[in-house]
C-alpha cells in the first residue's frame, strides 16, 4: 500500500469510528464496485461485507459469517479481512491490512475466488 493510500485509509478509519458511533456516508460520486462470483455479477455503491451472512452472501463452509469488508475511501475501494480463520487473499497473497482493489484483481476467501470487474 502506498503512503497516500495508507493516509487515506487512516483518515477513513478515524472518520468511521467518529463520535457517538455514527457512520460517515460516502460521497455520491463513488464509483460502484462490481464483483463477479462464478457466473453472477454483484454491484455495490457503499461499504459491505462478504461472507456466509454478509451483504455479498457466499455459500462456502470455509468462509466466516462476515469474512471481509469492502469500503471506499476517497474514491478508492479497499478490502479488509475481518479476523477470519482462513484469511483473505488478494492476487495470491494473504492480506493482513486493508488493501486497495482494482479491476481484474482476484480475491479468494475460503474456497471461493471472485474477480473485480470494475472498481
PDB file of N, CA and C in Angstrom:
ATOM      1  N   UNK A   1       0.862  -1.157   0.000  1.00  0.00           N
ATOM      2  CA  UNK A   1       0.000   0.000   0.000  1.00  0.00           C
ATOM      3  C   UNK A   1       0.913   1.226   0.000  1.00  0.00           C
ATOM      4  N   UNK A   2       0.628   2.182  -0.870  1.00  0.00           N
ATOM      5  CA  UNK A   2       1.423   3.401  -0.930  1.00  0.00           C
ATOM      6  C   UNK A   2       1.156   4.266   0.290  1.00  0.00           C
ATOM      7  N   UNK A   3       2.046   5.227   0.530  1.00  0.00           N
ATOM      8  CA  UNK A   3       1.868   6.123   1.664  1.00  0.00           C
ATOM      9  C   UNK A   3       0.553   6.895   1.545  1.00  0.00           C
ATOM     10  N   UNK A   4       0.221   7.336   0.317  1.00  0.00           N
ATOM     11  CA  UNK A   4      -1.032   8.069   0.096  1.00  0.00           C
ATOM     12  C   UNK A   4      -2.234   7.186   0.424  1.00  0.00           C
ATOM     13  N   UNK A   5      -2.198   5.925   0.005  1.00  0.00           N
ATOM     14  CA  UNK A   5      -3.293   5.003   0.297  1.00  0.00           C
ATOM     15  C   UNK A   5      -3.397   4.744   1.802  1.00  0.00           C
ATOM     16  N   UNK A   6      -2.246   4.629   2.490  1.00  0.00           N
ATOM     17  CA  UNK A   6      -2.258   4.423   3.933  1.00  0.00           C
ATOM     18  C   UNK A   6      -2.874   5.625   4.647  1.00  0.00           C
ATOM     19  N   UNK A   7      -2.523   6.837   4.204  1.00  0.00           N
ATOM     20  CA  UNK A   7      -3.080   8.035   4.807  1.00  0.00           C
ATOM     21  C   UNK A   7      -4.586   8.113   4.584  1.00  0.00           C
ATOM     22  N   UNK A   8      -5.021   7.770   3.368  1.00  0.00           N
ATOM     23  CA  UNK A   8      -6.455   7.794   3.063  1.00  0.00           C
ATOM     24  C   UNK A   8      -7.188   6.788   3.940  1.00  0.00           C
ATOM     25  N   UNK A   9      -6.611   5.606   4.105  1.00  0.00           N
ATOM     26  CA  UNK A   9      -7.247   4.577   4.927  1.00  0.00           C
ATOM     27  C   UNK A   9      -7.323   5.039   6.375  1.00  0.00           C
ATOM     28  N   UNK A  10      -6.241   5.614   6.898  1.00  0.00           N
ATOM     29  CA  UNK A  10      -6.232   6.077   8.287  1.00  0.00           C
ATOM     30  C   UNK A  10      -7.287   7.159   8.503  1.00  0.00           C
ATOM     31  N   UNK A  11      -7.406   8.082   7.543  1.00  0.00           N
ATOM     32  CA  UNK A  11      -8.398   9.154   7.653  1.00  0.00           C
ATOM     33  C   UNK A  11      -9.809   8.574   7.668  1.00  0.00           C
ATOM     34  N   UNK A  12     -10.043   7.606   6.819  1.00  0.00           N
ATOM     35  CA  UNK A  12     -11.375   6.999   6.751  1.00  0.00           C
ATOM     36  C   UNK A  12     -11.680   6.223   8.027  1.00  0.00           C
ATOM     37  N   UNK A  13     -10.688   5.501   8.531  1.00  0.00           N
ATOM     38  CA  UNK A  13     -10.913   4.723   9.745  1.00  0.00           C
ATOM     39  C   UNK A  13     -11.280   5.642  10.901  1.00  0.00           C
ATOM     40  N   UNK A  14     -10.576   6.787  11.029  1.00  0.00           N
ATOM     41  CA  UNK A  14     -10.922   7.716  12.099  1.00  0.00           C
ATOM     42  C   UNK A  14     -12.290   8.313  11.897  1.00  0.00           C
ATOM     43  N   UNK A  15     -12.636   8.650  10.667  1.00  0.00           N
ATOM     44  CA  UNK A  15     -13.949   9.249  10.396  1.00  0.00           C
ATOM     45  C   UNK A  15     -15.052   8.255  10.694  1.00  0.00           C
ATOM     46  N   UNK A  16     -14.838   6.997  10.352  1.00  0.00           N
ATOM     47  CA  UNK A  16     -15.876   5.997  10.558  1.00  0.00           C
ATOM     48  C   UNK A  16     -16.036   5.700  12.041  1.00  0.00           C
ATOM     49  N   UNK A  17     -14.916   5.674  12.771  1.00  0.00           N
ATOM     50  CA  UNK A  17     -15.014   5.465  14.205  1.00  0.00           C
ATOM     51  C   UNK A  17     -15.814   6.605  14.814  1.00  0.00           C
ATOM     52  N   UNK A  18     -15.608   7.817  14.307  1.00  0.00           N
ATOM     53  CA  UNK A  18     -16.362   9.015  14.626  1.00  0.00           C
ATOM     54  C   UNK A  18     -16.865   9.142  16.050  1.00  0.00           C
ATOM     55  N   UNK A  19     -17.494  10.226  16.320  1.00  0.00           N
ATOM     56  CA  UNK A  19     -18.067  10.473  17.638  1.00  0.00           C
ATOM     57  C   UNK A  19     -19.456   9.850  17.700  1.00  0.00           C
ATOM     58  N   UNK A  20     -19.755   9.240  18.810  1.00  0.00           N
ATOM     59  CA  UNK A  20     -21.091   8.704  19.031  1.00  0.00           C
ATOM     60  C   UNK A  20     -21.420   7.496  18.176  1.00  0.00           C
ATOM     61  N   UNK A  21     -20.419   6.872  17.538  1.00  0.00           N
ATOM     62  CA  UNK A  21     -20.656   5.677  16.752  1.00  0.00           C
ATOM     63  C   UNK A  21     -21.395   5.907  15.455  1.00  0.00           C
ATOM     64  N   UNK A  22     -21.464   7.140  14.978  1.00  0.00           N
ATOM     65  CA  UNK A  22     -22.153   7.407  13.718  1.00  0.00           C
ATOM     66  C   UNK A  22     -21.297   6.972  12.542  1.00  0.00           C
ATOM     67  N   UNK A  23     -21.932   6.550  11.479  1.00  0.00           N
ATOM     68  CA  UNK A  23     -21.228   6.146  10.276  1.00  0.00           C
ATOM     69  C   UNK A  23     -21.161   7.321   9.319  1.00  0.00           C
ATOM     70  N   UNK A  24     -20.015   7.493   8.699  1.00  0.00           N
ATOM     71  CA  UNK A  24     -19.855   8.542   7.704  1.00  0.00           C
ATOM     72  C   UNK A  24     -20.383   8.003   6.384  1.00  0.00           C
ATOM     73  N   UNK A  25     -21.201   8.759   5.705  1.00  0.00           N
ATOM     74  CA  UNK A  25     -21.760   8.333   4.423  1.00  0.00           C
ATOM     75  C   UNK A  25     -20.842   8.816   3.306  1.00  0.00           C
ATOM     76  N   UNK A  26     -20.477   7.910   2.422  1.00  0.00           N
ATOM     77  CA  UNK A  26     -19.562   8.219   1.322  1.00  0.00           C
ATOM     78  C   UNK A  26     -20.215   9.199   0.351  1.00  0.00           C
ATOM     79  N   UNK A  27     -19.383  10.030  -0.265  1.00  0.00           N
ATOM     80  CA  UNK A  27     -19.870  10.995  -1.257  1.00  0.00           C
ATOM     81  C   UNK A  27     -20.549  10.262  -2.406  1.00  0.00           C
ATOM     82  N   UNK A  28     -21.550  10.899  -3.043  1.00  0.00           N
ATOM     83  CA  UNK A  28     -22.314  10.219  -4.088  1.00  0.00           C
ATOM     84  C   UNK A  28     -21.525   9.922  -5.364  1.00  0.00           C
ATOM     85  N   UNK A  29     -20.328  10.468  -5.518  1.00  0.00           N
ATOM     86  CA  UNK A  29     -19.578  10.231  -6.748  1.00  0.00           C
ATOM     87  C   UNK A  29     -18.685   8.991  -6.681  1.00  0.00           C
ATOM     88  N   UNK A  30     -18.938   8.102  -5.711  1.00  0.00           N
ATOM     89  CA  UNK A  30     -18.163   6.876  -5.580  1.00  0.00           C
ATOM     90  C   UNK A  30     -18.461   5.967  -6.770  1.00  0.00           C
ATOM     91  N   UNK A  31     -17.417   5.462  -7.373  1.00  0.00           N
ATOM     92  CA  UNK A  31     -17.587   4.531  -8.486  1.00  0.00           C
ATOM     93  C   UNK A  31     -18.009   3.173  -7.919  1.00  0.00           C
ATOM     94  N   UNK A  32     -19.060   2.588  -8.461  1.00  0.00           N
ATOM     95  CA  UNK A  32     -19.514   1.289  -7.940  1.00  0.00           C
ATOM     96  C   UNK A  32     -18.434   0.218  -8.086  1.00  0.00           C
ATOM     97  N   UNK A  33     -18.461  -0.730  -7.173  1.00  0.00           N
ATOM     98  CA  UNK A  33     -17.578  -1.886  -7.232  1.00  0.00           C
ATOM     99  C   UNK A  33     -18.398  -3.041  -7.799  1.00  0.00           C
ATOM    100  N   UNK A  34     -17.899  -3.637  -8.855  1.00  0.00           N
ATOM    101  CA  UNK A  34     -18.578  -4.774  -9.478  1.00  0.00           C
ATOM    102  C   UNK A  34     -17.681  -5.995  -9.286  1.00  0.00           C
ATOM    103  N   UNK A  35     -18.243  -7.032  -8.680  1.00  0.00           N
ATOM    104  CA  UNK A  35     -17.503  -8.257  -8.394  1.00  0.00           C
ATOM    105  C   UNK A  35     -18.226  -9.429  -9.039  1.00  0.00           C
ATOM    106  N   UNK A  36     -17.449 -10.286  -9.684  1.00  0.00           N
ATOM    107  CA  UNK A  36     -18.016 -11.493 -10.282  1.00  0.00           C
ATOM    108  C   UNK A  36     -17.650 -12.687  -9.418  1.00  0.00           C
ATOM    109  N   UNK A  37     -18.689 -13.446  -9.024  1.00  0.00           N
ATOM    110  CA  UNK A  37     -18.519 -14.678  -8.264  1.00  0.00           C
ATOM    111  C   UNK A  37     -19.198 -15.760  -9.086  1.00  0.00           C
ATOM    112  N   UNK A  38     -18.400 -16.676  -9.614  1.00  0.00           N
ATOM    113  CA  UNK A  38     -18.956 -17.683 -10.521  1.00  0.00           C
ATOM    114  C   UNK A  38     -19.506 -17.000 -11.759  1.00  0.00           C
ATOM    115  N   UNK A  39     -20.771 -17.259 -12.078  1.00  0.00           N
ATOM    116  CA  UNK A  39     -21.371 -16.645 -13.279  1.00  0.00           C
ATOM    117  C   UNK A  39     -22.245 -15.441 -12.930  1.00  0.00           C
ATOM    118  N   UNK A  40     -22.188 -14.960 -11.664  1.00  0.00           N
ATOM    119  CA  UNK A  40     -23.015 -13.827 -11.238  1.00  0.00           C
ATOM    120  C   UNK A  40     -22.173 -12.603 -10.928  1.00  0.00           C
ATOM    121  N   UNK A  41     -22.680 -11.444 -11.340  1.00  0.00           N
ATOM    122  CA  UNK A  41     -22.040 -10.170 -11.023  1.00  0.00           C
ATOM    123  C   UNK A  41     -22.842  -9.447  -9.955  1.00  0.00           C
ATOM    124  N   UNK A  42     -22.129  -8.828  -9.036  1.00  0.00           N
ATOM    125  CA  UNK A  42     -22.735  -8.098  -7.927  1.00  0.00           C
ATOM    126  C   UNK A  42     -22.176  -6.677  -7.943  1.00  0.00           C
ATOM    127  N   UNK A  43     -23.052  -5.679  -7.804  1.00  0.00           N
ATOM    128  CA  UNK A  43     -22.651  -4.275  -7.837  1.00  0.00           C
ATOM    129  C   UNK A  43     -22.949  -3.634  -6.490  1.00  0.00           C
ATOM    130  N   UNK A  44     -21.950  -2.909  -5.960  1.00  0.00           N
ATOM    131  CA  UNK A  44     -22.082  -2.239  -4.669  1.00  0.00           C
ATOM    132  C   UNK A  44     -21.636  -0.789  -4.798  1.00  0.00           C
ATOM    133  N   UNK A  45     -22.351   0.099  -4.108  1.00  0.00           N
ATOM    134  CA  UNK A  45     -22.021   1.527  -4.127  1.00  0.00           C
ATOM    135  C   UNK A  45     -21.621   2.038  -2.746  1.00  0.00           C
ATOM    136  N   UNK A  46     -21.694   1.186  -1.731  1.00  0.00           N
ATOM    137  CA  UNK A  46     -21.343   1.577  -0.367  1.00  0.00           C
ATOM    138  C   UNK A  46     -20.693   0.387   0.327  1.00  0.00           C
ATOM    139  N   UNK A  47     -20.110   0.645   1.482  1.00  0.00           N
ATOM    140  CA  UNK A  47     -19.429  -0.390   2.261  1.00  0.00           C
ATOM    141  C   UNK A  47     -20.300  -1.632   2.394  1.00  0.00           C
ATOM    142  N   UNK A  48     -19.661  -2.810   2.331  1.00  0.00           N
ATOM    143  CA  UNK A  48     -20.385  -4.066   2.503  1.00  0.00           C
ATOM    144  C   UNK A  48     -19.436  -5.136   3.003  1.00  0.00           C
ATOM    145  N   UNK A  49     -20.017  -6.239   3.487  1.00  0.00           N
ATOM    146  CA  UNK A  49     -19.209  -7.379   3.900  1.00  0.00           C
ATOM    147  C   UNK A  49     -19.508  -8.573   2.999  1.00  0.00           C
ATOM    148  N   UNK A  50     -18.499  -9.427   2.891  1.00  0.00           N
ATOM    149  CA  UNK A  50     -18.641 -10.682   2.154  1.00  0.00           C
ATOM    150  C   UNK A  50     -18.475 -11.811   3.163  1.00  0.00           C
ATOM    151  N   UNK A  51     -19.306 -12.816   3.051  1.00  0.00           N
ATOM    152  CA  UNK A  51     -19.243 -13.958   3.951  1.00  0.00           C
ATOM    153  C   UNK A  51     -20.539 -14.735   3.888  1.00  0.00           C
ATOM    154  N   UNK A  52     -20.655 -15.749   4.709  1.00  0.00           N
ATOM    155  CA  UNK A  52     -21.889 -16.549   4.694  1.00  0.00           C
ATOM    156  C   UNK A  52     -23.100 -15.716   5.067  1.00  0.00           C
ATOM    157  N   UNK A  53     -22.905 -14.676   5.907  1.00  0.00           N
ATOM    158  CA  UNK A  53     -24.014 -13.829   6.339  1.00  0.00           C
ATOM    159  C   UNK A  53     -23.836 -12.377   5.874  1.00  0.00           C
ATOM    160  N   UNK A  54     -22.925 -12.121   4.977  1.00  0.00           N
ATOM    161  CA  UNK A  54     -22.637 -10.757   4.551  1.00  0.00           C
ATOM    162  C   UNK A  54     -23.605 -10.241   3.500  1.00  0.00           C
ATOM    163  N   UNK A  55     -23.414  -8.974   3.131  1.00  0.00           N
ATOM    164  CA  UNK A  55     -24.213  -8.384   2.051  1.00  0.00           C
ATOM    165  C   UNK A  55     -23.949  -9.131   0.745  1.00  0.00           C
ATOM    166  N   UNK A  56     -22.706  -9.591   0.583  1.00  0.00           N
ATOM    167  CA  UNK A  56     -22.359 -10.475  -0.526  1.00  0.00           C
ATOM    168  C   UNK A  56     -22.297 -11.870   0.092  1.00  0.00           C
ATOM    169  N   UNK A  57     -23.448 -12.560   0.090  1.00  0.00           N
ATOM    170  CA  UNK A  57     -23.569 -13.864   0.748  1.00  0.00           C
ATOM    171  C   UNK A  57     -22.964 -14.953  -0.129  1.00  0.00           C
ATOM    172  N   UNK A  58     -22.051 -15.729   0.468  1.00  0.00           N
ATOM    173  CA  UNK A  58     -21.359 -16.786  -0.259  1.00  0.00           C
ATOM    174  C   UNK A  58     -21.509 -18.086   0.526  1.00  0.00           C
ATOM    175  N   UNK A  59     -21.981 -19.121  -0.145  1.00  0.00           N
ATOM    176  CA  UNK A  59     -22.184 -20.426   0.474  1.00  0.00           C
ATOM    177  C   UNK A  59     -20.889 -21.226   0.357  1.00  0.00           C
ATOM    178  N   UNK A  60     -20.079 -21.162   1.407  1.00  0.00           N
ATOM    179  CA  UNK A  60     -18.771 -21.823   1.425  1.00  0.00           C
ATOM    180  C   UNK A  60     -18.461 -22.095   2.892  1.00  0.00           C
ATOM    181  N   UNK A  61     -18.276 -23.368   3.261  1.00  0.00           N
ATOM    182  CA  UNK A  61     -18.037 -23.734   4.659  1.00  0.00           C
ATOM    183  C   UNK A  61     -16.714 -23.200   5.211  1.00  0.00           C
ATOM    184  N   UNK A  62     -15.835 -22.716   4.359  1.00  0.00           N
ATOM    185  CA  UNK A  62     -14.540 -22.208   4.790  1.00  0.00           C
ATOM    186  C   UNK A  62     -14.524 -20.683   4.915  1.00  0.00           C
ATOM    187  N   UNK A  63     -15.720 -20.083   4.897  1.00  0.00           N
ATOM    188  CA  UNK A  63     -15.863 -18.633   5.000  1.00  0.00           C
ATOM    189  C   UNK A  63     -16.594 -18.299   6.290  1.00  0.00           C
ATOM    190  N   UNK A  64     -16.139 -17.256   6.961  1.00  0.00           N
ATOM    191  CA  UNK A  64     -16.798 -16.775   8.189  1.00  0.00           C
ATOM    192  C   UNK A  64     -18.118 -16.105   7.845  1.00  0.00           C
ATOM    193  N   UNK A  65     -18.929 -15.868   8.870  1.00  0.00           N
ATOM    194  CA  UNK A  65     -20.203 -15.174   8.670  1.00  0.00           C
ATOM    195  C   UNK A  65     -19.999 -13.818   8.006  1.00  0.00           C
ATOM    196  N   UNK A  66     -19.102 -13.022   8.565  1.00  0.00           N
ATOM    197  CA  UNK A  66     -18.694 -11.742   7.975  1.00  0.00           C
ATOM    198  C   UNK A  66     -17.180 -11.832   7.842  1.00  0.00           C
ATOM    199  N   UNK A  67     -16.718 -12.272   6.703  1.00  0.00           N
ATOM    200  CA  UNK A  67     -15.329 -12.653   6.475  1.00  0.00           C
ATOM    201  C   UNK A  67     -14.447 -11.457   6.105  1.00  0.00           C
ATOM    202  N   UNK A  68     -14.944 -10.621   5.198  1.00  0.00           N
ATOM    203  CA  UNK A  68     -14.141  -9.500   4.693  1.00  0.00           C
ATOM    204  C   UNK A  68     -15.039  -8.293   4.477  1.00  0.00           C
ATOM    205  N   UNK A  69     -14.427  -7.106   4.592  1.00  0.00           N
ATOM    206  CA  UNK A  69     -15.166  -5.864   4.377  1.00  0.00           C
ATOM    207  C   UNK A  69     -14.575  -5.140   3.167  1.00  0.00           C
ATOM    208  N   UNK A  70     -15.474  -4.583   2.360  1.00  0.00           N
ATOM    209  CA  UNK A  70     -15.103  -3.718   1.242  1.00  0.00           C
ATOM    210  C   UNK A  70     -15.588  -2.323   1.616  1.00  0.00           C
ATOM    211  N   UNK A  71     -14.708  -1.337   1.475  1.00  0.00           N
ATOM    212  CA  UNK A  71     -15.040   0.009   1.904  1.00  0.00           C
ATOM    213  C   UNK A  71     -14.381   1.019   0.962  1.00  0.00           C
ATOM    214  N   UNK A  72     -15.061   2.129   0.721  1.00  0.00           N
ATOM    215  CA  UNK A  72     -14.479   3.184  -0.109  1.00  0.00           C
ATOM    216  C   UNK A  72     -13.849   4.250   0.769  1.00  0.00           C
ATOM    217  N   UNK A  73     -12.713   4.737   0.302  1.00  0.00           N
ATOM    218  CA  UNK A  73     -12.010   5.832   0.957  1.00  0.00           C
ATOM    219  C   UNK A  73     -11.509   6.750  -0.143  1.00  0.00           C
ATOM    220  N   UNK A  74     -12.047   7.961  -0.162  1.00  0.00           N
ATOM    221  CA  UNK A  74     -11.640   8.963  -1.152  1.00  0.00           C
ATOM    222  C   UNK A  74     -11.624   8.403  -2.576  1.00  0.00           C
ATOM    223  N   UNK A  75     -12.683   7.700  -2.911  1.00  0.00           N
ATOM    224  CA  UNK A  75     -12.850   7.204  -4.274  1.00  0.00           C
ATOM    225  C   UNK A  75     -12.168   5.886  -4.590  1.00  0.00           C
ATOM    226  N   UNK A  76     -11.428   5.307  -3.641  1.00  0.00           N
ATOM    227  CA  UNK A  76     -10.780   4.011  -3.858  1.00  0.00           C
ATOM    228  C   UNK A  76     -11.495   2.957  -3.022  1.00  0.00           C
ATOM    229  N   UNK A  77     -11.589   1.755  -3.559  1.00  0.00           N
ATOM    230  CA  UNK A  77     -12.177   0.634  -2.820  1.00  0.00           C
ATOM    231  C   UNK A  77     -11.070  -0.133  -2.111  1.00  0.00           C
ATOM    232  N   UNK A  78     -11.307  -0.470  -0.836  1.00  0.00           N
ATOM    233  CA  UNK A  78     -10.362  -1.236  -0.033  1.00  0.00           C
ATOM    234  C   UNK A  78     -10.997  -2.542   0.408  1.00  0.00           C
ATOM    235  N   UNK A  79     -10.157  -3.556   0.555  1.00  0.00           N
ATOM    236  CA  UNK A  79     -10.554  -4.868   1.050  1.00  0.00           C
ATOM    237  C   UNK A  79      -9.842  -5.102   2.372  1.00  0.00           C
ATOM    238  N   UNK A  80     -10.596  -5.572   3.379  1.00  0.00           N
ATOM    239  CA  UNK A  80     -10.024  -5.828   4.698  1.00  0.00           C
ATOM    240  C   UNK A  80     -10.529  -7.164   5.212  1.00  0.00           C
ATOM    241  N   UNK A  81      -9.625  -7.992   5.705  1.00  0.00           N
ATOM    242  CA  UNK A  81     -10.014  -9.234   6.362  1.00  0.00           C
ATOM    243  C   UNK A  81     -10.565  -8.885   7.747  1.00  0.00           C
ATOM    244  N   UNK A  82     -11.622  -9.545   8.164  1.00  0.00           N
ATOM    245  CA  UNK A  82     -12.251  -9.246   9.450  1.00  0.00           C
ATOM    246  C   UNK A  82     -11.883 -10.264  10.530  1.00  0.00           C
ATOM    247  N   UNK A  83     -10.625 -10.701  10.520  1.00  0.00           N
ATOM    248  CA  UNK A  83     -10.156 -11.636  11.541  1.00  0.00           C
ATOM    249  C   UNK A  83     -10.554 -13.073  11.271  1.00  0.00           C
ATOM    250  N   UNK A  84     -10.749 -13.414  10.018  1.00  0.00           N
ATOM    251  CA  UNK A  84     -11.177 -14.766   9.668  1.00  0.00           C
ATOM    252  C   UNK A  84     -10.075 -15.782   9.958  1.00  0.00           C
ATOM    253  N   UNK A  85     -10.475 -17.035  10.170  1.00  0.00           N
ATOM    254  CA  UNK A  85      -9.506 -18.111  10.422  1.00  0.00           C
ATOM    255  C   UNK A  85      -8.711 -18.461   9.176  1.00  0.00           C
ATOM    256  N   UNK A  86      -9.367 -18.499   8.028  1.00  0.00           N
ATOM    257  CA  UNK A  86      -8.715 -18.933   6.791  1.00  0.00           C
ATOM    258  C   UNK A  86      -8.130 -17.797   5.973  1.00  0.00           C
ATOM    259  N   UNK A  87      -8.317 -16.579   6.412  1.00  0.00           N
ATOM    260  CA  UNK A  87      -7.699 -15.444   5.742  1.00  0.00           C
ATOM    261  C   UNK A  87      -8.422 -14.990   4.490  1.00  0.00           C
ATOM    262  N   UNK A  88      -7.982 -13.837   4.017  1.00  0.00           N
ATOM    263  CA  UNK A  88      -8.469 -13.240   2.781  1.00  0.00           C
ATOM    264  C   UNK A  88      -7.251 -13.051   1.892  1.00  0.00           C
ATOM    265  N   UNK A  89      -7.384 -13.415   0.624  1.00  0.00           N
ATOM    266  CA  UNK A  89      -6.251 -13.414  -0.302  1.00  0.00           C
ATOM    267  C   UNK A  89      -6.541 -12.469  -1.461  1.00  0.00           C
ATOM    268  N   UNK A  90      -5.573 -11.669  -1.814  1.00  0.00           N
ATOM    269  CA  UNK A  90      -5.682 -10.736  -2.935  1.00  0.00           C
ATOM    270  C   UNK A  90      -4.557 -11.050  -3.901  1.00  0.00           C
ATOM    271  N   UNK A  91      -4.927 -11.489  -5.098  1.00  0.00           N
ATOM    272  CA  UNK A  91      -3.946 -11.841  -6.130  1.00  0.00           C
ATOM    273  C   UNK A  91      -2.894 -12.821  -5.618  1.00  0.00           C
ATOM    274  N   UNK A  92      -3.357 -13.837  -4.879  1.00  0.00           N
ATOM    275  CA  UNK A  92      -2.474 -14.906  -4.420  1.00  0.00           C
ATOM    276  C   UNK A  92      -1.709 -14.617  -3.145  1.00  0.00           C
ATOM    277  N   UNK A  93      -1.913 -13.439  -2.537  1.00  0.00           N
ATOM    278  CA  UNK A  93      -1.197 -13.085  -1.305  1.00  0.00           C
ATOM    279  C   UNK A  93      -2.189 -12.816  -0.185  1.00  0.00           C
ATOM    280  N   UNK A  94      -1.915 -13.431   0.954  1.00  0.00           N
ATOM    281  CA  UNK A  94      -2.791 -13.212   2.107  1.00  0.00           C
ATOM    282  C   UNK A  94      -2.628 -11.770   2.595  1.00  0.00           C
ATOM    283  N   UNK A  95      -3.742 -11.110   2.867  1.00  0.00           N
ATOM    284  CA  UNK A  95      -3.667  -9.728   3.321  1.00  0.00           C
ATOM    285  C   UNK A  95      -3.759  -9.675   4.845  1.00  0.00           C
ATOM    286  N   UNK A  96      -3.020  -8.727   5.433  1.00  0.00           N
ATOM    287  CA  UNK A  96      -3.012  -8.548   6.878  1.00  0.00           C
ATOM    288  C   UNK A  96      -3.422  -7.132   7.269  1.00  0.00           C
ATOM    289  N   UNK A  97      -3.608  -6.303   6.273  1.00  0.00           N
ATOM    290  CA  UNK A  97      -4.088  -4.938   6.476  1.00  0.00           C
ATOM    291  C   UNK A  97      -4.924  -4.569   5.258  1.00  0.00           C
ATOM    292  N   UNK A  98      -5.734  -3.532   5.350  1.00  0.00           N
ATOM    293  CA  UNK A  98      -6.575  -3.151   4.205  1.00  0.00           C
ATOM    294  C   UNK A  98      -5.738  -2.914   2.944  1.00  0.00           C
ATOM    295  N   UNK A  99      -6.260  -3.377   1.818  1.00  0.00           N
ATOM    296  CA  UNK A  99      -5.573  -3.250   0.535  1.00  0.00           C
ATOM    297  C   UNK A  99      -6.523  -2.658  -0.497  1.00  0.00           C
ATOM    298  N   UNK A 100      -5.988  -1.822  -1.381  1.00  0.00           N
ATOM    299  CA  UNK A 100      -6.781  -1.270  -2.483  1.00  0.00           C
ATOM    300  C   UNK A 100      -7.083  -2.387  -3.461  1.00  0.00           C
ATOM    301  N   UNK A 101      -8.322  -2.424  -3.962  1.00  0.00           N
ATOM    302  CA  UNK A 101      -8.674  -3.381  -5.002  1.00  0.00           C
ATOM    303  C   UNK A 101      -8.869  -2.648  -6.316  1.00  0.00           C
ATOM    304  N   UNK A 102      -8.459  -3.300  -7.376  1.00  0.00           N
ATOM    305  CA  UNK A 102      -8.516  -2.713  -8.715  1.00  0.00           C
ATOM    306  C   UNK A 102      -9.133  -3.708  -9.691  1.00  0.00           C
ATOM    307  N   UNK A 103      -9.516  -3.190 -10.819  1.00  0.00           N
ATOM    308  CA  UNK A 103     -10.083  -4.015 -11.891  1.00  0.00           C
ATOM    309  C   UNK A 103      -9.150  -5.192 -12.179  1.00  0.00           C
ATOM    310  N   UNK A 104      -9.735  -6.358 -12.356  1.00  0.00           N
ATOM    311  CA  UNK A 104      -9.076  -7.629 -12.664  1.00  0.00           C
ATOM    312  C   UNK A 104      -8.394  -8.296 -11.468  1.00  0.00           C
ATOM    313  N   UNK A 105      -8.464  -7.690 -10.263  1.00  0.00           N
ATOM    314  CA  UNK A 105      -7.908  -8.349  -9.086  1.00  0.00           C
ATOM    315  C   UNK A 105      -8.688  -9.624  -8.797  1.00  0.00           C
ATOM    316  N   UNK A 106      -7.992 -10.621  -8.259  1.00  0.00           N
ATOM    317  CA  UNK A 106      -8.604 -11.878  -7.835  1.00  0.00           C
ATOM    318  C   UNK A 106      -8.602 -11.910  -6.311  1.00  0.00           C
ATOM    319  N   UNK A 107      -9.781 -12.123  -5.739  1.00  0.00           N
ATOM    320  CA  UNK A 107      -9.941 -12.174  -4.290  1.00  0.00           C
ATOM    321  C   UNK A 107     -10.398 -13.581  -3.938  1.00  0.00           C
ATOM    322  N   UNK A 108      -9.712 -14.188  -2.974  1.00  0.00           N
ATOM    323  CA  UNK A 108     -10.089 -15.534  -2.554  1.00  0.00           C
ATOM    324  C   UNK A 108     -10.398 -15.510  -1.067  1.00  0.00           C
ATOM    325  N   UNK A 109     -11.598 -15.973  -0.736  1.00  0.00           N
ATOM    326  CA  UNK A 109     -11.974 -16.194   0.660  1.00  0.00           C
ATOM    327  C   UNK A 109     -12.535 -17.610   0.723  1.00  0.00           C
ATOM    328  N   UNK A 110     -12.042 -18.373   1.685  1.00  0.00           N
ATOM    329  CA  UNK A 110     -12.415 -19.789   1.732  1.00  0.00           C
ATOM    330  C   UNK A 110     -11.972 -20.475   0.449  1.00  0.00           C
ATOM    331  N   UNK A 111     -12.881 -21.214  -0.157  1.00  0.00           N
ATOM    332  CA  UNK A 111     -12.595 -21.863  -1.442  1.00  0.00           C
ATOM    333  C   UNK A 111     -13.162 -21.076  -2.614  1.00  0.00           C
ATOM    334  N   UNK A 112     -13.656 -19.888  -2.339  1.00  0.00           N
ATOM    335  CA  UNK A 112     -14.323 -19.073  -3.356  1.00  0.00           C
ATOM    336  C   UNK A 112     -13.398 -17.991  -3.886  1.00  0.00           C
ATOM    337  N   UNK A 113     -13.272 -17.930  -5.208  1.00  0.00           N
ATOM    338  CA  UNK A 113     -12.485 -16.879  -5.843  1.00  0.00           C
ATOM    339  C   UNK A 113     -13.428 -15.971  -6.612  1.00  0.00           C
ATOM    340  N   UNK A 114     -13.233 -14.673  -6.442  1.00  0.00           N
ATOM    341  CA  UNK A 114     -14.043 -13.685  -7.156  1.00  0.00           C
ATOM    342  C   UNK A 114     -13.123 -12.746  -7.894  1.00  0.00           C
ATOM    343  N   UNK A 115     -13.646 -12.104  -8.916  1.00  0.00           N
ATOM    344  CA  UNK A 115     -12.874 -11.188  -9.748  1.00  0.00           C
ATOM    345  C   UNK A 115     -13.497  -9.800  -9.689  1.00  0.00           C
ATOM    346  N   UNK A 116     -12.643  -8.785  -9.530  1.00  0.00           N
ATOM    347  CA  UNK A 116     -13.107  -7.408  -9.566  1.00  0.00           C
ATOM    348  C   UNK A 116     -13.284  -7.032 -11.040  1.00  0.00           C
ATOM    349  N   UNK A 117     -14.524  -6.738 -11.427  1.00  0.00           N
ATOM    350  CA  UNK A 117     -14.840  -6.366 -12.808  1.00  0.00           C
ATOM    351  C   UNK A 117     -14.636  -4.878 -13.003  1.00  0.00           C
ATOM    352  N   UNK A 118     -14.989  -4.100 -11.986  1.00  0.00           N
ATOM    353  CA  UNK A 118     -14.857  -2.639 -12.044  1.00  0.00           C
ATOM    354  C   UNK A 118     -14.715  -2.110 -10.631  1.00  0.00           C
ATOM    355  N   UNK A 119     -13.802  -1.150 -10.481  1.00  0.00           N
ATOM    356  CA  UNK A 119     -13.611  -0.545  -9.148  1.00  0.00           C
ATOM    357  C   UNK A 119     -13.357   0.933  -9.296  1.00  0.00           C
TER     358      UNK A 119
END
